[in-house]
N, C-alpha and C. Protein backbone atom coordinates (compact mmCIF):
# COMPACT_ATOMS: atom_id res chain seq x y z
N UNK A 1 -72.44 -81.79 49.83
CA UNK A 1 -73.01 -81.48 51.11
C UNK A 1 -72.57 -82.48 52.18
N UNK A 2 -72.50 -83.75 51.80
CA UNK A 2 -72.10 -84.79 52.74
C UNK A 2 -70.66 -84.57 53.18
N UNK A 3 -69.80 -84.17 52.23
CA UNK A 3 -68.40 -83.91 52.56
C UNK A 3 -68.28 -82.76 53.55
N UNK A 4 -69.09 -81.73 53.36
CA UNK A 4 -69.07 -80.59 54.29
C UNK A 4 -69.49 -81.00 55.69
N UNK A 5 -70.51 -81.83 55.80
CA UNK A 5 -70.97 -82.30 57.11
C UNK A 5 -69.93 -83.19 57.77
N UNK A 6 -69.27 -84.04 56.98
CA UNK A 6 -68.23 -84.92 57.53
C UNK A 6 -67.05 -84.09 58.01
N UNK A 7 -66.66 -83.07 57.24
CA UNK A 7 -65.55 -82.20 57.63
C UNK A 7 -65.90 -81.44 58.90
N UNK A 8 -67.12 -80.94 58.99
CA UNK A 8 -67.56 -80.24 60.19
C UNK A 8 -67.50 -81.17 61.41
N UNK A 9 -67.96 -82.40 61.24
CA UNK A 9 -67.94 -83.37 62.34
C UNK A 9 -66.52 -83.68 62.80
N UNK A 10 -65.58 -83.81 61.85
CA UNK A 10 -64.19 -84.08 62.19
C UNK A 10 -63.58 -82.91 62.96
N UNK A 11 -63.82 -81.70 62.49
CA UNK A 11 -63.31 -80.51 63.18
C UNK A 11 -63.91 -80.43 64.58
N UNK A 12 -65.20 -80.71 64.72
CA UNK A 12 -65.85 -80.66 66.03
C UNK A 12 -65.20 -81.64 67.00
N UNK A 13 -64.92 -82.86 66.55
CA UNK A 13 -64.28 -83.86 67.40
C UNK A 13 -62.86 -83.44 67.79
N UNK A 14 -62.12 -82.84 66.85
CA UNK A 14 -60.77 -82.38 67.16
C UNK A 14 -60.80 -81.27 68.20
N UNK A 15 -61.72 -80.35 68.09
CA UNK A 15 -61.84 -79.25 69.05
C UNK A 15 -62.19 -79.80 70.43
N UNK A 16 -63.09 -80.77 70.50
CA UNK A 16 -63.43 -81.37 71.79
C UNK A 16 -62.20 -82.01 72.43
N UNK A 17 -61.40 -82.69 71.65
CA UNK A 17 -60.19 -83.33 72.19
C UNK A 17 -59.22 -82.28 72.70
N UNK A 18 -59.03 -81.21 71.96
CA UNK A 18 -58.13 -80.13 72.39
C UNK A 18 -58.65 -79.51 73.68
N UNK A 19 -59.95 -79.24 73.77
CA UNK A 19 -60.51 -78.66 75.00
C UNK A 19 -60.33 -79.60 76.19
N UNK A 20 -60.45 -80.89 75.95
CA UNK A 20 -60.30 -81.86 77.04
C UNK A 20 -58.87 -81.88 77.57
N UNK A 21 -57.89 -81.51 76.74
CA UNK A 21 -56.50 -81.52 77.17
C UNK A 21 -56.10 -80.26 77.91
N UNK A 22 -56.95 -79.25 77.90
CA UNK A 22 -56.63 -78.01 78.60
C UNK A 22 -56.79 -78.20 80.10
N UNK A 23 -56.30 -77.24 80.83
CA UNK A 23 -56.32 -77.30 82.27
C UNK A 23 -54.91 -77.06 82.78
N UNK A 24 -54.76 -76.95 84.06
CA UNK A 24 -53.43 -76.65 84.58
C UNK A 24 -52.47 -77.81 84.35
N UNK A 25 -51.20 -77.50 84.07
CA UNK A 25 -50.21 -78.56 83.92
C UNK A 25 -50.05 -79.34 85.23
N UNK A 26 -49.63 -80.59 85.16
CA UNK A 26 -49.43 -81.37 86.38
C UNK A 26 -48.39 -80.72 87.30
N UNK A 27 -48.54 -80.91 88.58
CA UNK A 27 -47.63 -80.35 89.57
C UNK A 27 -46.31 -81.13 89.55
N UNK A 28 -45.19 -80.42 89.69
CA UNK A 28 -43.89 -81.08 89.78
C UNK A 28 -43.68 -81.59 91.20
N UNK A 29 -42.65 -82.43 91.37
CA UNK A 29 -42.30 -82.90 92.71
C UNK A 29 -40.87 -82.48 93.02
N UNK A 30 -40.54 -82.41 94.31
CA UNK A 30 -39.25 -81.89 94.76
C UNK A 30 -38.72 -82.74 95.90
N UNK A 31 -37.39 -82.96 95.92
CA UNK A 31 -36.74 -83.64 97.04
C UNK A 31 -35.27 -83.25 97.08
N UNK A 32 -34.63 -83.53 98.20
CA UNK A 32 -33.22 -83.17 98.40
C UNK A 32 -32.40 -84.40 98.75
N UNK A 33 -31.15 -84.44 98.27
CA UNK A 33 -30.20 -85.51 98.59
C UNK A 33 -28.92 -84.85 99.09
N UNK A 34 -28.42 -85.17 100.27
CA UNK A 34 -28.72 -86.34 101.08
C UNK A 34 -29.98 -86.22 101.93
N UNK A 35 -30.57 -85.05 102.01
CA UNK A 35 -31.81 -84.86 102.76
C UNK A 35 -32.04 -83.38 102.96
N UNK A 36 -33.16 -83.04 103.59
CA UNK A 36 -33.54 -81.64 103.79
C UNK A 36 -32.88 -81.02 105.01
N UNK A 37 -32.22 -81.83 105.84
CA UNK A 37 -31.49 -81.31 106.99
C UNK A 37 -30.00 -81.54 106.71
N UNK A 38 -29.25 -80.44 106.57
CA UNK A 38 -27.84 -80.53 106.20
C UNK A 38 -26.99 -79.71 107.16
N UNK A 39 -25.75 -80.12 107.34
CA UNK A 39 -24.87 -79.39 108.25
C UNK A 39 -24.22 -78.21 107.54
N UNK A 40 -23.85 -77.23 108.32
CA UNK A 40 -23.22 -76.01 107.81
C UNK A 40 -21.98 -76.37 106.99
N UNK A 41 -21.85 -75.75 105.82
CA UNK A 41 -20.70 -75.95 104.96
C UNK A 41 -20.79 -77.15 104.03
N UNK A 42 -21.79 -77.98 104.20
CA UNK A 42 -21.91 -79.16 103.34
C UNK A 42 -22.65 -78.80 102.05
N UNK A 43 -22.83 -79.79 101.19
CA UNK A 43 -23.53 -79.59 99.92
C UNK A 43 -24.84 -80.37 99.93
N UNK A 44 -25.78 -79.91 99.14
CA UNK A 44 -27.05 -80.61 98.96
C UNK A 44 -27.48 -80.44 97.51
N UNK A 45 -28.15 -81.44 96.99
CA UNK A 45 -28.69 -81.36 95.64
C UNK A 45 -30.21 -81.44 95.73
N UNK A 46 -30.86 -80.48 95.09
CA UNK A 46 -32.32 -80.46 95.06
C UNK A 46 -32.75 -80.92 93.67
N UNK A 47 -33.69 -81.88 93.64
CA UNK A 47 -34.19 -82.44 92.40
C UNK A 47 -35.64 -82.04 92.20
N UNK A 48 -36.00 -81.77 90.94
CA UNK A 48 -37.37 -81.47 90.57
C UNK A 48 -37.76 -82.41 89.43
N UNK A 49 -38.85 -83.15 89.61
CA UNK A 49 -39.37 -84.04 88.56
C UNK A 49 -40.53 -83.33 87.88
N UNK A 50 -40.48 -83.32 86.53
CA UNK A 50 -41.49 -82.64 85.72
C UNK A 50 -41.96 -83.59 84.62
N UNK A 51 -43.06 -83.27 83.95
CA UNK A 51 -43.54 -84.12 82.84
C UNK A 51 -42.54 -84.12 81.68
N UNK A 52 -42.61 -85.13 80.81
CA UNK A 52 -41.71 -85.20 79.65
C UNK A 52 -41.84 -83.97 78.76
N UNK A 53 -40.72 -83.57 78.17
CA UNK A 53 -40.71 -82.48 77.22
C UNK A 53 -40.49 -81.10 77.81
N UNK A 54 -40.47 -80.98 79.11
CA UNK A 54 -40.28 -79.67 79.75
C UNK A 54 -38.80 -79.29 79.67
N UNK A 55 -38.52 -78.04 79.30
CA UNK A 55 -37.14 -77.59 79.21
C UNK A 55 -36.83 -76.44 80.15
N UNK A 56 -37.84 -75.77 80.68
CA UNK A 56 -37.61 -74.64 81.59
C UNK A 56 -38.17 -74.98 82.96
N UNK A 57 -37.27 -75.07 83.93
CA UNK A 57 -37.67 -75.40 85.30
C UNK A 57 -37.16 -74.30 86.22
N UNK A 58 -37.99 -73.92 87.16
CA UNK A 58 -37.67 -72.88 88.12
C UNK A 58 -37.57 -73.50 89.51
N UNK A 59 -36.46 -73.26 90.19
CA UNK A 59 -36.33 -73.59 91.61
C UNK A 59 -36.31 -72.26 92.34
N UNK A 60 -37.22 -72.09 93.28
CA UNK A 60 -37.31 -70.82 94.01
C UNK A 60 -37.21 -71.06 95.50
N UNK A 61 -36.69 -70.05 96.21
CA UNK A 61 -36.57 -70.12 97.67
C UNK A 61 -37.30 -68.93 98.28
N UNK A 62 -38.00 -69.19 99.37
CA UNK A 62 -38.71 -68.14 100.10
C UNK A 62 -38.21 -68.10 101.53
N UNK A 63 -38.25 -67.07 102.24
CA UNK A 63 -37.96 -65.71 101.81
C UNK A 63 -36.46 -65.44 101.82
N UNK A 64 -35.89 -64.44 101.29
CA UNK A 64 -36.50 -63.65 100.22
C UNK A 64 -36.55 -64.50 98.96
N UNK A 65 -37.36 -64.09 98.04
CA UNK A 65 -37.55 -64.89 96.82
C UNK A 65 -36.27 -64.90 95.99
N UNK A 66 -35.70 -66.07 95.83
CA UNK A 66 -34.52 -66.27 94.98
C UNK A 66 -34.90 -67.33 93.97
N UNK A 67 -34.55 -67.12 92.71
CA UNK A 67 -34.98 -68.03 91.65
C UNK A 67 -33.78 -68.48 90.83
N UNK A 68 -33.73 -69.79 90.52
CA UNK A 68 -32.74 -70.35 89.60
C UNK A 68 -33.49 -70.98 88.44
N UNK A 69 -33.01 -70.74 87.22
CA UNK A 69 -33.61 -71.35 86.04
C UNK A 69 -32.67 -72.34 85.35
N UNK A 70 -31.47 -72.47 85.84
CA UNK A 70 -30.47 -73.24 85.11
C UNK A 70 -30.37 -74.68 85.58
N UNK A 71 -31.48 -75.33 85.70
CA UNK A 71 -31.46 -76.74 86.08
C UNK A 71 -30.89 -77.59 84.96
N UNK A 72 -30.31 -78.72 85.30
CA UNK A 72 -29.76 -79.65 84.32
C UNK A 72 -30.59 -80.91 84.33
N UNK A 73 -31.03 -81.34 83.17
CA UNK A 73 -31.86 -82.54 83.11
C UNK A 73 -31.02 -83.80 83.37
N UNK A 74 -31.62 -84.77 84.00
CA UNK A 74 -30.95 -86.02 84.34
C UNK A 74 -31.62 -87.17 83.58
N UNK A 75 -31.23 -87.39 82.34
CA UNK A 75 -31.74 -88.51 81.56
C UNK A 75 -33.18 -88.31 81.11
N UNK A 76 -33.79 -89.42 80.75
CA UNK A 76 -35.14 -89.38 80.17
C UNK A 76 -36.23 -89.28 81.23
N UNK A 77 -35.86 -89.29 82.50
CA UNK A 77 -36.88 -89.25 83.55
C UNK A 77 -37.41 -87.85 83.81
N UNK A 78 -36.84 -86.85 83.12
CA UNK A 78 -37.28 -85.47 83.29
C UNK A 78 -37.08 -85.01 84.73
N UNK A 79 -35.92 -85.30 85.27
CA UNK A 79 -35.55 -84.85 86.60
C UNK A 79 -34.49 -83.78 86.44
N UNK A 80 -34.73 -82.62 87.03
CA UNK A 80 -33.77 -81.53 86.96
C UNK A 80 -33.02 -81.44 88.28
N UNK A 81 -31.75 -81.12 88.20
CA UNK A 81 -30.86 -81.13 89.35
C UNK A 81 -30.32 -79.72 89.61
N UNK A 82 -30.39 -79.29 90.87
CA UNK A 82 -29.85 -78.01 91.29
C UNK A 82 -28.90 -78.27 92.45
N UNK A 83 -27.61 -77.99 92.27
CA UNK A 83 -26.62 -78.26 93.31
C UNK A 83 -26.34 -77.00 94.11
N UNK A 84 -26.43 -77.11 95.42
CA UNK A 84 -26.12 -76.01 96.33
C UNK A 84 -24.89 -76.41 97.13
N UNK A 85 -23.85 -75.63 97.03
CA UNK A 85 -22.59 -75.91 97.71
C UNK A 85 -22.44 -75.01 98.94
N UNK A 86 -21.63 -75.45 99.88
CA UNK A 86 -21.29 -74.64 101.06
C UNK A 86 -22.53 -74.03 101.71
N UNK A 87 -23.38 -74.87 102.22
CA UNK A 87 -24.64 -74.43 102.82
C UNK A 87 -24.39 -73.52 104.02
N UNK A 88 -25.06 -72.39 103.98
CA UNK A 88 -25.05 -71.43 105.08
C UNK A 88 -26.50 -71.13 105.43
N UNK A 89 -26.70 -70.36 106.49
CA UNK A 89 -28.06 -70.01 106.92
C UNK A 89 -28.80 -69.27 105.81
N UNK A 90 -28.05 -68.51 104.98
CA UNK A 90 -28.71 -67.74 103.91
C UNK A 90 -29.25 -68.64 102.80
N UNK A 91 -28.77 -69.89 102.71
CA UNK A 91 -29.29 -70.82 101.71
C UNK A 91 -30.39 -71.72 102.27
N UNK A 92 -30.58 -71.70 103.58
CA UNK A 92 -31.67 -72.47 104.18
C UNK A 92 -32.99 -71.75 103.90
N UNK A 93 -34.07 -72.48 103.96
CA UNK A 93 -35.38 -71.87 103.75
C UNK A 93 -36.31 -72.83 103.02
N UNK A 94 -37.40 -72.29 102.56
CA UNK A 94 -38.44 -73.07 101.89
C UNK A 94 -38.23 -72.96 100.38
N UNK A 95 -38.10 -74.12 99.72
CA UNK A 95 -37.90 -74.19 98.28
C UNK A 95 -39.11 -74.84 97.62
N UNK A 96 -39.32 -74.48 96.34
CA UNK A 96 -40.34 -75.15 95.53
C UNK A 96 -39.91 -75.11 94.07
N UNK A 97 -40.50 -75.99 93.28
CA UNK A 97 -40.24 -76.06 91.84
C UNK A 97 -41.49 -75.69 91.07
N UNK A 98 -41.29 -75.16 89.89
CA UNK A 98 -42.36 -74.95 88.92
C UNK A 98 -41.71 -75.07 87.54
N UNK A 99 -42.50 -75.25 86.50
CA UNK A 99 -41.95 -75.38 85.15
C UNK A 99 -42.85 -74.68 84.15
N UNK A 100 -42.26 -74.37 83.00
CA UNK A 100 -42.98 -73.74 81.90
C UNK A 100 -43.15 -74.78 80.80
N UNK A 101 -44.39 -75.01 80.37
CA UNK A 101 -44.64 -76.07 79.37
C UNK A 101 -44.78 -75.52 77.95
N UNK A 102 -44.35 -74.30 77.74
CA UNK A 102 -44.44 -73.70 76.41
C UNK A 102 -45.55 -72.69 76.28
N UNK A 103 -46.56 -72.80 77.16
CA UNK A 103 -47.66 -71.83 77.10
C UNK A 103 -48.04 -71.28 78.47
N UNK A 104 -47.72 -72.01 79.54
CA UNK A 104 -48.07 -71.51 80.86
C UNK A 104 -47.19 -72.15 81.93
N UNK A 105 -47.13 -71.50 83.09
CA UNK A 105 -46.39 -72.04 84.22
C UNK A 105 -47.27 -73.03 84.98
N UNK A 106 -46.64 -74.06 85.51
CA UNK A 106 -47.35 -75.05 86.33
C UNK A 106 -47.62 -74.47 87.71
N UNK A 107 -48.42 -75.20 88.47
CA UNK A 107 -48.56 -74.87 89.89
C UNK A 107 -47.23 -75.18 90.58
N UNK A 108 -46.97 -74.55 91.70
CA UNK A 108 -45.76 -74.84 92.46
C UNK A 108 -45.83 -76.24 93.03
N UNK A 109 -44.66 -76.87 93.15
CA UNK A 109 -44.61 -78.17 93.83
C UNK A 109 -44.92 -77.95 95.31
N UNK A 110 -45.03 -79.05 96.04
CA UNK A 110 -45.11 -78.91 97.48
C UNK A 110 -43.81 -78.28 97.96
N UNK A 111 -43.85 -77.66 99.14
CA UNK A 111 -42.65 -77.01 99.66
C UNK A 111 -41.66 -78.02 100.23
N UNK A 112 -40.39 -77.69 100.10
CA UNK A 112 -39.29 -78.44 100.70
C UNK A 112 -38.57 -77.48 101.63
N UNK A 113 -38.57 -77.77 102.93
CA UNK A 113 -37.88 -76.89 103.87
C UNK A 113 -36.47 -77.40 104.08
N UNK A 114 -35.49 -76.62 103.63
CA UNK A 114 -34.08 -76.96 103.79
C UNK A 114 -33.60 -76.34 105.11
N UNK A 115 -33.13 -77.20 106.02
CA UNK A 115 -32.71 -76.75 107.35
C UNK A 115 -31.22 -76.98 107.50
N UNK A 116 -30.51 -75.95 107.98
CA UNK A 116 -29.08 -76.08 108.23
C UNK A 116 -28.85 -76.29 109.71
N UNK A 117 -27.98 -77.23 110.04
CA UNK A 117 -27.63 -77.49 111.45
C UNK A 117 -26.17 -77.13 111.66
N UNK A 118 -25.77 -77.00 112.93
CA UNK A 118 -24.37 -76.75 113.25
C UNK A 118 -24.02 -75.29 113.40
N UNK A 119 -24.96 -74.44 113.59
CA UNK A 119 -24.69 -72.99 113.76
C UNK A 119 -24.88 -72.66 115.23
């Protein structure tokens, strides 16, 4: 009987720990290099930082909604890189990142407004 009570107590503690870990995944962050204001025809790289272990990252642009999933990880910092070449007005707009942690999508990062100059 004592073993049954001890086993029940251990399972109860494990379930509490699992429940405490639930909730929305942390929000990713986003930035652009050389910056969010770029001249026509130039290149820009958009970076998304996500928690460790994430393998699926989404970079999306509004409007119209365009999505890229093929980010490349940059070392152990869990930073994904998206390179945009030959910037035109059609590539300007509001971008955000999100990621899939194996069971659910994260909230969107804050928005990054990419502005093209020289038109």
